């Protein structure tokens, strides 16, 4: 009976690990949205008109990159969840997938979110823009996960 419980508990670890990065995908989508809205709203005053900063390639690339990464990660994540939840999936494969998903989404988030916050300048640090909160929340979540695994 105890061997059954241990096996059951170990099986749950891989699914729990796979569930950890789900909020990071939504946070990345929110970051892309906030950065995109800011880029459309903020303008540079010219002689004849105001130019939105989204018209510059240096602003477009991070917004498009964060949006694309969030959308791809969401679709990829949903497909892998279905595959991992299948009864015929080997537990070793399930565990490998959970580690790959968590690492990949975390790395993309760590790359895209600070880039978007940087593109928003000082506005990105204001509380009502949530950029700083999203980054701090990610750091705290990563620390919490490390503490659980140790």
N, C-alpha and C. Protein backbone atom coordinates (compact mmCIF):
# COMPACT_ATOMS: atom_id res chain seq x y z
N UNK A 1 0.82 -1.20 0.00
CA UNK A 1 0.00 0.00 0.00
C UNK A 1 0.86 1.26 0.00
N UNK A 2 1.93 1.28 0.77
CA UNK A 2 2.78 2.47 0.81
C UNK A 2 3.51 2.68 -0.51
N UNK A 3 3.88 1.59 -1.20
CA UNK A 3 4.51 1.72 -2.51
C UNK A 3 3.54 2.36 -3.50
N UNK A 4 2.27 2.01 -3.42
CA UNK A 4 1.26 2.62 -4.28
C UNK A 4 1.16 4.11 -4.01
N UNK A 5 1.16 4.51 -2.75
CA UNK A 5 1.05 5.93 -2.40
C UNK A 5 2.28 6.71 -2.88
N UNK A 6 3.46 6.11 -2.73
CA UNK A 6 4.67 6.78 -3.19
C UNK A 6 4.63 6.95 -4.70
N UNK A 7 4.24 5.91 -5.41
CA UNK A 7 4.14 5.99 -6.87
C UNK A 7 3.13 7.05 -7.27
N UNK A 8 2.01 7.10 -6.57
CA UNK A 8 0.98 8.09 -6.87
C UNK A 8 1.52 9.50 -6.63
N UNK A 9 2.23 9.70 -5.54
CA UNK A 9 2.77 11.02 -5.22
C UNK A 9 3.82 11.44 -6.24
N UNK A 10 4.70 10.53 -6.64
CA UNK A 10 5.72 10.85 -7.63
C UNK A 10 5.08 11.21 -8.96
N UNK A 11 4.02 10.55 -9.33
CA UNK A 11 3.32 10.84 -10.58
C UNK A 11 2.77 12.26 -10.55
N UNK A 12 2.34 12.71 -9.39
CA UNK A 12 1.77 14.05 -9.27
C UNK A 12 2.82 15.14 -9.39
N UNK A 13 4.06 14.85 -9.05
CA UNK A 13 5.12 15.85 -9.08
C UNK A 13 5.32 16.39 -10.49
N UNK A 14 5.34 15.50 -11.47
CA UNK A 14 5.58 15.97 -12.84
C UNK A 14 4.44 16.86 -13.33
N UNK A 15 3.22 16.54 -12.99
CA UNK A 15 2.10 17.40 -13.40
C UNK A 15 2.11 18.72 -12.65
N UNK A 16 2.51 18.68 -11.38
CA UNK A 16 2.64 19.92 -10.62
C UNK A 16 3.73 20.81 -11.19
N UNK A 17 4.82 20.18 -11.60
CA UNK A 17 5.91 20.94 -12.22
C UNK A 17 5.46 21.55 -13.53
N UNK A 18 4.62 20.84 -14.25
CA UNK A 18 4.12 21.36 -15.52
C UNK A 18 3.12 22.50 -15.29
N UNK A 19 2.48 22.52 -14.15
CA UNK A 19 1.49 23.57 -13.86
C UNK A 19 2.15 24.89 -13.43
N UNK A 20 3.39 24.83 -12.97
CA UNK A 20 4.06 26.03 -12.46
C UNK A 20 4.16 27.14 -13.50
N UNK A 21 4.55 26.87 -14.76
CA UNK A 21 4.74 27.99 -15.69
C UNK A 21 3.47 28.55 -16.32
N UNK A 22 2.31 27.98 -16.03
CA UNK A 22 1.07 28.48 -16.63
C UNK A 22 0.85 29.98 -16.37
N UNK A 23 1.03 30.45 -15.14
CA UNK A 23 0.83 31.90 -14.92
C UNK A 23 1.86 32.76 -15.64
N UNK A 24 3.03 32.21 -15.92
CA UNK A 24 4.05 33.00 -16.63
C UNK A 24 3.61 33.30 -18.05
N UNK A 25 2.86 32.40 -18.66
CA UNK A 25 2.37 32.66 -20.01
C UNK A 25 1.39 33.83 -19.98
N UNK A 26 0.48 33.82 -19.03
CA UNK A 26 -0.47 34.94 -18.92
C UNK A 26 0.24 36.23 -18.56
N UNK A 27 1.26 36.14 -17.71
CA UNK A 27 2.02 37.34 -17.35
C UNK A 27 2.76 37.89 -18.55
N UNK A 28 3.26 37.01 -19.39
CA UNK A 28 3.95 37.46 -20.60
C UNK A 28 2.97 38.12 -21.58
N UNK A 29 1.78 37.57 -21.69
CA UNK A 29 0.75 38.19 -22.53
C UNK A 29 0.39 39.57 -21.99
N UNK A 30 0.24 39.68 -20.68
CA UNK A 30 -0.08 40.97 -20.08
C UNK A 30 1.05 41.97 -20.29
N UNK A 31 2.28 41.52 -20.17
CA UNK A 31 3.43 42.39 -20.37
C UNK A 31 3.47 42.90 -21.81
N UNK A 32 3.22 42.01 -22.76
CA UNK A 32 3.21 42.42 -24.17
C UNK A 32 2.09 43.43 -24.43
N UNK A 33 0.93 43.19 -23.83
CA UNK A 33 -0.19 44.11 -24.01
C UNK A 33 0.12 45.48 -23.42
N UNK A 34 0.63 45.49 -22.20
CA UNK A 34 0.94 46.77 -21.54
C UNK A 34 2.00 47.52 -22.32
N UNK A 35 3.05 46.81 -22.75
CA UNK A 35 4.12 47.45 -23.52
C UNK A 35 3.63 47.96 -24.87
N UNK A 36 2.77 47.20 -25.51
CA UNK A 36 2.21 47.62 -26.80
C UNK A 36 1.33 48.85 -26.66
N UNK A 37 0.48 48.84 -25.65
CA UNK A 37 -0.40 50.00 -25.42
C UNK A 37 0.42 51.24 -25.09
N UNK A 38 1.45 51.07 -24.27
CA UNK A 38 2.31 52.19 -23.92
C UNK A 38 2.99 52.74 -25.17
N UNK A 39 3.48 51.85 -26.03
CA UNK A 39 4.19 52.26 -27.24
C UNK A 39 3.28 53.01 -28.21
N UNK A 40 2.00 52.66 -28.23
CA UNK A 40 1.06 53.38 -29.10
C UNK A 40 0.66 54.72 -28.50
N UNK A 41 0.64 54.79 -27.18
CA UNK A 41 0.20 56.00 -26.48
C UNK A 41 1.32 57.05 -26.41
N UNK A 42 2.54 56.61 -26.13
CA UNK A 42 3.66 57.53 -25.97
C UNK A 42 4.11 58.05 -27.32
N UNK A 43 4.30 59.36 -27.40
CA UNK A 43 4.70 59.98 -28.68
C UNK A 43 5.94 60.84 -28.51
N UNK A 44 6.60 61.05 -29.62
CA UNK A 44 7.72 61.99 -29.68
C UNK A 44 7.21 63.20 -30.45
N UNK A 45 7.41 64.35 -29.87
CA UNK A 45 6.90 65.58 -30.49
C UNK A 45 7.82 65.99 -31.62
N UNK A 46 7.23 66.11 -32.80
CA UNK A 46 7.97 66.57 -33.98
C UNK A 46 7.57 67.97 -34.35
N UNK A 47 8.15 68.47 -35.44
CA UNK A 47 7.83 69.83 -35.88
C UNK A 47 6.40 69.93 -36.39
N UNK A 48 5.93 68.88 -37.08
CA UNK A 48 4.60 68.94 -37.67
C UNK A 48 3.58 68.07 -36.95
N UNK A 49 4.03 66.98 -36.34
CA UNK A 49 3.08 66.08 -35.68
C UNK A 49 3.78 65.27 -34.59
N UNK A 50 2.96 64.58 -33.83
CA UNK A 50 3.49 63.68 -32.81
C UNK A 50 3.64 62.29 -33.42
N UNK A 51 4.78 61.67 -33.18
CA UNK A 51 5.07 60.34 -33.74
C UNK A 51 5.01 59.32 -32.60
N UNK A 52 4.12 58.33 -32.71
CA UNK A 52 4.10 57.30 -31.65
C UNK A 52 5.38 56.48 -31.70
N UNK A 53 5.89 56.11 -30.54
CA UNK A 53 7.16 55.39 -30.51
C UNK A 53 7.04 53.98 -31.06
N UNK A 54 5.84 53.47 -31.24
CA UNK A 54 5.66 52.15 -31.85
C UNK A 54 6.09 52.17 -33.31
N UNK A 55 6.22 53.35 -33.91
CA UNK A 55 6.63 53.44 -35.31
C UNK A 55 8.12 53.15 -35.49
N UNK A 56 8.87 53.09 -34.40
CA UNK A 56 10.30 52.79 -34.48
C UNK A 56 10.54 51.29 -34.34
N UNK A 57 11.45 50.77 -35.16
CA UNK A 57 11.74 49.32 -35.14
C UNK A 57 12.24 48.86 -33.78
N UNK A 58 12.98 49.72 -33.09
CA UNK A 58 13.51 49.34 -31.78
C UNK A 58 12.40 49.13 -30.75
N UNK A 59 11.25 49.69 -31.00
CA UNK A 59 10.10 49.50 -30.12
C UNK A 59 9.20 48.38 -30.64
N UNK A 60 9.10 48.24 -31.94
CA UNK A 60 8.22 47.23 -32.53
C UNK A 60 8.70 45.82 -32.23
N UNK A 61 10.01 45.59 -32.38
CA UNK A 61 10.54 44.23 -32.25
C UNK A 61 10.24 43.62 -30.88
N UNK A 62 10.52 44.28 -29.76
CA UNK A 62 10.23 43.66 -28.46
C UNK A 62 8.74 43.39 -28.24
N UNK A 63 7.89 44.30 -28.71
CA UNK A 63 6.45 44.11 -28.54
C UNK A 63 5.98 42.91 -29.36
N UNK A 64 6.40 42.84 -30.62
CA UNK A 64 6.02 41.71 -31.47
C UNK A 64 6.63 40.40 -30.97
N UNK A 65 7.86 40.46 -30.51
CA UNK A 65 8.52 39.27 -30.01
C UNK A 65 7.80 38.72 -28.78
N UNK A 66 7.50 39.60 -27.82
CA UNK A 66 6.80 39.15 -26.60
C UNK A 66 5.42 38.60 -26.94
N UNK A 67 4.72 39.24 -27.86
CA UNK A 67 3.39 38.76 -28.27
C UNK A 67 3.50 37.40 -28.93
N UNK A 68 4.43 37.26 -29.86
CA UNK A 68 4.60 35.98 -30.56
C UNK A 68 5.02 34.87 -29.60
N UNK A 69 5.95 35.16 -28.71
CA UNK A 69 6.40 34.15 -27.75
C UNK A 69 5.24 33.72 -26.87
N UNK A 70 4.45 34.66 -26.39
CA UNK A 70 3.31 34.32 -25.53
C UNK A 70 2.30 33.45 -26.26
N UNK A 71 2.00 33.77 -27.50
CA UNK A 71 1.01 33.00 -28.25
C UNK A 71 1.53 31.59 -28.57
N UNK A 72 2.78 31.50 -28.98
CA UNK A 72 3.36 30.18 -29.29
C UNK A 72 3.45 29.34 -28.03
N UNK A 73 3.92 29.94 -26.95
CA UNK A 73 4.04 29.19 -25.69
C UNK A 73 2.68 28.70 -25.20
N UNK A 74 1.65 29.51 -25.35
CA UNK A 74 0.32 29.09 -24.91
C UNK A 74 -0.17 27.88 -25.70
N UNK A 75 -0.04 27.92 -27.02
CA UNK A 75 -0.48 26.79 -27.84
C UNK A 75 0.36 25.54 -27.58
N UNK A 76 1.66 25.72 -27.46
CA UNK A 76 2.56 24.60 -27.18
C UNK A 76 2.24 23.97 -25.83
N UNK A 77 2.03 24.84 -24.84
CA UNK A 77 1.74 24.37 -23.48
C UNK A 77 0.43 23.56 -23.44
N UNK A 78 -0.60 24.05 -24.10
CA UNK A 78 -1.89 23.34 -24.10
C UNK A 78 -1.77 21.97 -24.78
N UNK A 79 -1.01 21.88 -25.83
CA UNK A 79 -0.81 20.59 -26.50
C UNK A 79 -0.04 19.61 -25.61
N UNK A 80 0.98 20.12 -24.94
CA UNK A 80 1.76 19.24 -24.07
C UNK A 80 0.97 18.78 -22.85
N UNK A 81 0.09 19.62 -22.35
CA UNK A 81 -0.76 19.22 -21.23
C UNK A 81 -1.62 18.04 -21.65
N UNK A 82 -2.23 18.13 -22.83
CA UNK A 82 -3.07 17.01 -23.32
C UNK A 82 -2.25 15.74 -23.45
N UNK A 83 -1.04 15.86 -24.00
CA UNK A 83 -0.19 14.69 -24.17
C UNK A 83 0.23 14.11 -22.82
N UNK A 84 0.59 14.98 -21.87
CA UNK A 84 1.04 14.51 -20.56
C UNK A 84 -0.09 13.88 -19.75
N UNK A 85 -1.30 14.34 -19.96
CA UNK A 85 -2.43 13.81 -19.19
C UNK A 85 -2.96 12.49 -19.76
N UNK A 86 -2.48 12.10 -20.93
CA UNK A 86 -2.93 10.84 -21.51
C UNK A 86 -2.50 9.67 -20.63
N UNK A 87 -3.36 8.69 -20.52
CA UNK A 87 -3.07 7.54 -19.66
C UNK A 87 -1.91 6.70 -20.17
N UNK A 88 -1.68 6.70 -21.46
CA UNK A 88 -0.65 5.84 -22.02
C UNK A 88 0.73 6.52 -22.08
N UNK A 89 0.88 7.73 -21.55
CA UNK A 89 2.16 8.41 -21.54
C UNK A 89 3.05 7.84 -20.44
N UNK A 90 4.24 7.48 -20.81
CA UNK A 90 5.22 6.94 -19.85
C UNK A 90 5.53 8.00 -18.79
N UNK A 91 5.59 7.65 -17.53
CA UNK A 91 5.88 8.63 -16.47
C UNK A 91 7.23 9.34 -16.67
N UNK A 92 8.20 8.65 -17.23
CA UNK A 92 9.50 9.28 -17.49
C UNK A 92 9.38 10.36 -18.56
N UNK A 93 8.58 10.09 -19.57
CA UNK A 93 8.35 11.07 -20.62
C UNK A 93 7.57 12.25 -20.05
N UNK A 94 6.59 11.95 -19.21
CA UNK A 94 5.79 13.00 -18.57
C UNK A 94 6.69 13.92 -17.73
N UNK A 95 7.60 13.33 -16.99
CA UNK A 95 8.51 14.11 -16.16
C UNK A 95 9.45 14.95 -17.03
N UNK A 96 9.98 14.34 -18.09
CA UNK A 96 10.86 15.08 -19.00
C UNK A 96 10.13 16.26 -19.63
N UNK A 97 8.90 16.03 -20.06
CA UNK A 97 8.12 17.12 -20.65
C UNK A 97 7.88 18.25 -19.66
N UNK A 98 7.60 17.90 -18.42
CA UNK A 98 7.33 18.94 -17.42
C UNK A 98 8.57 19.79 -17.18
N UNK A 99 9.72 19.19 -17.15
CA UNK A 99 10.96 19.94 -16.96
C UNK A 99 11.24 20.83 -18.17
N UNK A 100 11.04 20.28 -19.36
CA UNK A 100 11.27 21.05 -20.59
C UNK A 100 10.32 22.23 -20.67
N UNK A 101 9.05 22.00 -20.36
CA UNK A 101 8.05 23.07 -20.42
C UNK A 101 8.38 24.18 -19.42
N UNK A 102 8.66 23.79 -18.20
CA UNK A 102 8.94 24.77 -17.16
C UNK A 102 10.18 25.59 -17.51
N UNK A 103 11.24 24.93 -17.94
CA UNK A 103 12.48 25.62 -18.26
C UNK A 103 12.31 26.54 -19.47
N UNK A 104 11.67 26.05 -20.50
CA UNK A 104 11.52 26.84 -21.72
C UNK A 104 10.67 28.08 -21.48
N UNK A 105 9.54 27.92 -20.84
CA UNK A 105 8.66 29.07 -20.60
C UNK A 105 9.32 30.06 -19.66
N UNK A 106 10.00 29.56 -18.64
CA UNK A 106 10.68 30.44 -17.69
C UNK A 106 11.76 31.26 -18.39
N UNK A 107 12.56 30.62 -19.22
CA UNK A 107 13.63 31.33 -19.93
C UNK A 107 13.07 32.39 -20.88
N UNK A 108 12.03 32.06 -21.59
CA UNK A 108 11.44 33.05 -22.49
C UNK A 108 10.84 34.21 -21.71
N UNK A 109 10.22 33.91 -20.59
CA UNK A 109 9.67 34.98 -19.76
C UNK A 109 10.78 35.88 -19.24
N UNK A 110 11.87 35.26 -18.76
CA UNK A 110 12.99 36.04 -18.22
C UNK A 110 13.64 36.91 -19.28
N UNK A 111 13.53 36.54 -20.52
CA UNK A 111 14.11 37.32 -21.61
C UNK A 111 13.17 38.42 -22.08
N UNK A 112 11.88 38.13 -22.20
CA UNK A 112 10.92 39.06 -22.79
C UNK A 112 10.40 40.11 -21.80
N UNK A 113 10.08 39.71 -20.59
CA UNK A 113 9.46 40.64 -19.64
C UNK A 113 10.37 41.83 -19.30
N UNK A 114 11.63 41.63 -18.96
CA UNK A 114 12.47 42.79 -18.69
C UNK A 114 12.67 43.69 -19.91
N UNK A 115 12.71 43.08 -21.08
CA UNK A 115 12.85 43.86 -22.32
C UNK A 115 11.65 44.78 -22.50
N UNK A 116 10.45 44.27 -22.24
CA UNK A 116 9.25 45.09 -22.36
C UNK A 116 9.23 46.19 -21.30
N UNK A 117 9.61 45.85 -20.09
CA UNK A 117 9.63 46.84 -19.01
C UNK A 117 10.64 47.94 -19.34
N UNK A 118 11.77 47.56 -19.91
CA UNK A 118 12.78 48.55 -20.29
C UNK A 118 12.26 49.47 -21.39
N UNK A 119 11.49 48.94 -22.31
CA UNK A 119 10.94 49.75 -23.40
C UNK A 119 9.90 50.75 -22.90
N UNK A 120 9.34 50.49 -21.73
CA UNK A 120 8.35 51.42 -21.17
C UNK A 120 9.00 52.51 -20.33
N UNK A 121 10.31 52.44 -20.17
CA UNK A 121 11.02 53.47 -19.41
C UNK A 121 10.57 53.51 -17.96
N UNK A 122 10.54 54.70 -17.41
CA UNK A 122 10.13 54.88 -16.02
C UNK A 122 8.68 54.48 -15.81
N UNK A 123 7.86 54.61 -16.85
CA UNK A 123 6.45 54.22 -16.74
C UNK A 123 6.32 52.74 -16.41
N UNK A 124 7.27 51.94 -16.84
CA UNK A 124 7.22 50.51 -16.58
C UNK A 124 7.37 50.16 -15.11
N UNK A 125 7.92 51.08 -14.33
CA UNK A 125 8.09 50.81 -12.90
C UNK A 125 6.91 51.28 -12.07
N UNK A 126 5.98 52.02 -12.66
CA UNK A 126 4.83 52.51 -11.91
C UNK A 126 3.92 51.35 -11.53
N UNK A 127 3.33 51.45 -10.37
CA UNK A 127 2.51 50.36 -9.85
C UNK A 127 1.30 50.06 -10.74
N UNK A 128 0.69 51.08 -11.31
CA UNK A 128 -0.52 50.85 -12.11
C UNK A 128 -0.21 50.16 -13.45
N UNK A 129 1.06 50.09 -13.86
CA UNK A 129 1.41 49.38 -15.09
C UNK A 129 1.74 47.92 -14.86
N UNK A 130 1.91 47.51 -13.64
CA UNK A 130 2.13 46.11 -13.24
C UNK A 130 3.40 45.47 -13.75
N UNK A 131 4.23 46.19 -14.49
CA UNK A 131 5.43 45.58 -15.04
C UNK A 131 6.38 45.13 -13.93
N UNK A 132 6.64 46.01 -12.98
CA UNK A 132 7.55 45.66 -11.88
C UNK A 132 6.95 44.54 -11.03
N UNK A 133 5.64 44.58 -10.82
CA UNK A 133 4.99 43.53 -10.04
C UNK A 133 5.12 42.18 -10.72
N UNK A 134 4.97 42.16 -12.04
CA UNK A 134 5.06 40.90 -12.78
C UNK A 134 6.46 40.32 -12.65
N UNK A 135 7.48 41.16 -12.77
CA UNK A 135 8.85 40.66 -12.67
C UNK A 135 9.17 40.19 -11.25
N UNK A 136 8.75 40.95 -10.25
CA UNK A 136 8.99 40.55 -8.86
C UNK A 136 8.22 39.28 -8.54
N UNK A 137 7.00 39.19 -9.02
CA UNK A 137 6.19 37.98 -8.79
C UNK A 137 6.88 36.76 -9.39
N UNK A 138 7.46 36.92 -10.57
CA UNK A 138 8.16 35.81 -11.21
C UNK A 138 9.36 35.38 -10.36
N UNK A 139 10.12 36.34 -9.86
CA UNK A 139 11.29 36.02 -9.02
C UNK A 139 10.86 35.29 -7.75
N UNK A 140 9.79 35.77 -7.12
CA UNK A 140 9.31 35.12 -5.90
C UNK A 140 8.81 33.71 -6.18
N UNK A 141 8.12 33.53 -7.30
CA UNK A 141 7.63 32.20 -7.65
C UNK A 141 8.79 31.26 -7.91
N UNK A 142 9.83 31.74 -8.58
CA UNK A 142 11.00 30.90 -8.85
C UNK A 142 11.70 30.52 -7.55
N UNK A 143 11.80 31.47 -6.62
CA UNK A 143 12.42 31.16 -5.32
C UNK A 143 11.59 30.15 -4.54
N UNK A 144 10.28 30.29 -4.59
CA UNK A 144 9.40 29.37 -3.89
C UNK A 144 9.55 27.96 -4.45
N UNK A 145 9.64 27.85 -5.76
CA UNK A 145 9.81 26.53 -6.40
C UNK A 145 11.14 25.91 -5.99
N UNK A 146 12.20 26.74 -5.96
CA UNK A 146 13.49 26.21 -5.53
C UNK A 146 13.45 25.72 -4.09
N UNK A 147 12.76 26.45 -3.23
CA UNK A 147 12.65 26.04 -1.83
C UNK A 147 11.88 24.72 -1.69
N UNK A 148 10.88 24.53 -2.50
CA UNK A 148 10.10 23.29 -2.44
C UNK A 148 10.94 22.11 -2.90
N UNK A 149 11.76 22.32 -3.94
CA UNK A 149 12.54 21.21 -4.48
C UNK A 149 13.76 20.87 -3.64
N UNK A 150 14.18 21.77 -2.78
CA UNK A 150 15.38 21.51 -1.97
C UNK A 150 15.08 20.71 -0.77
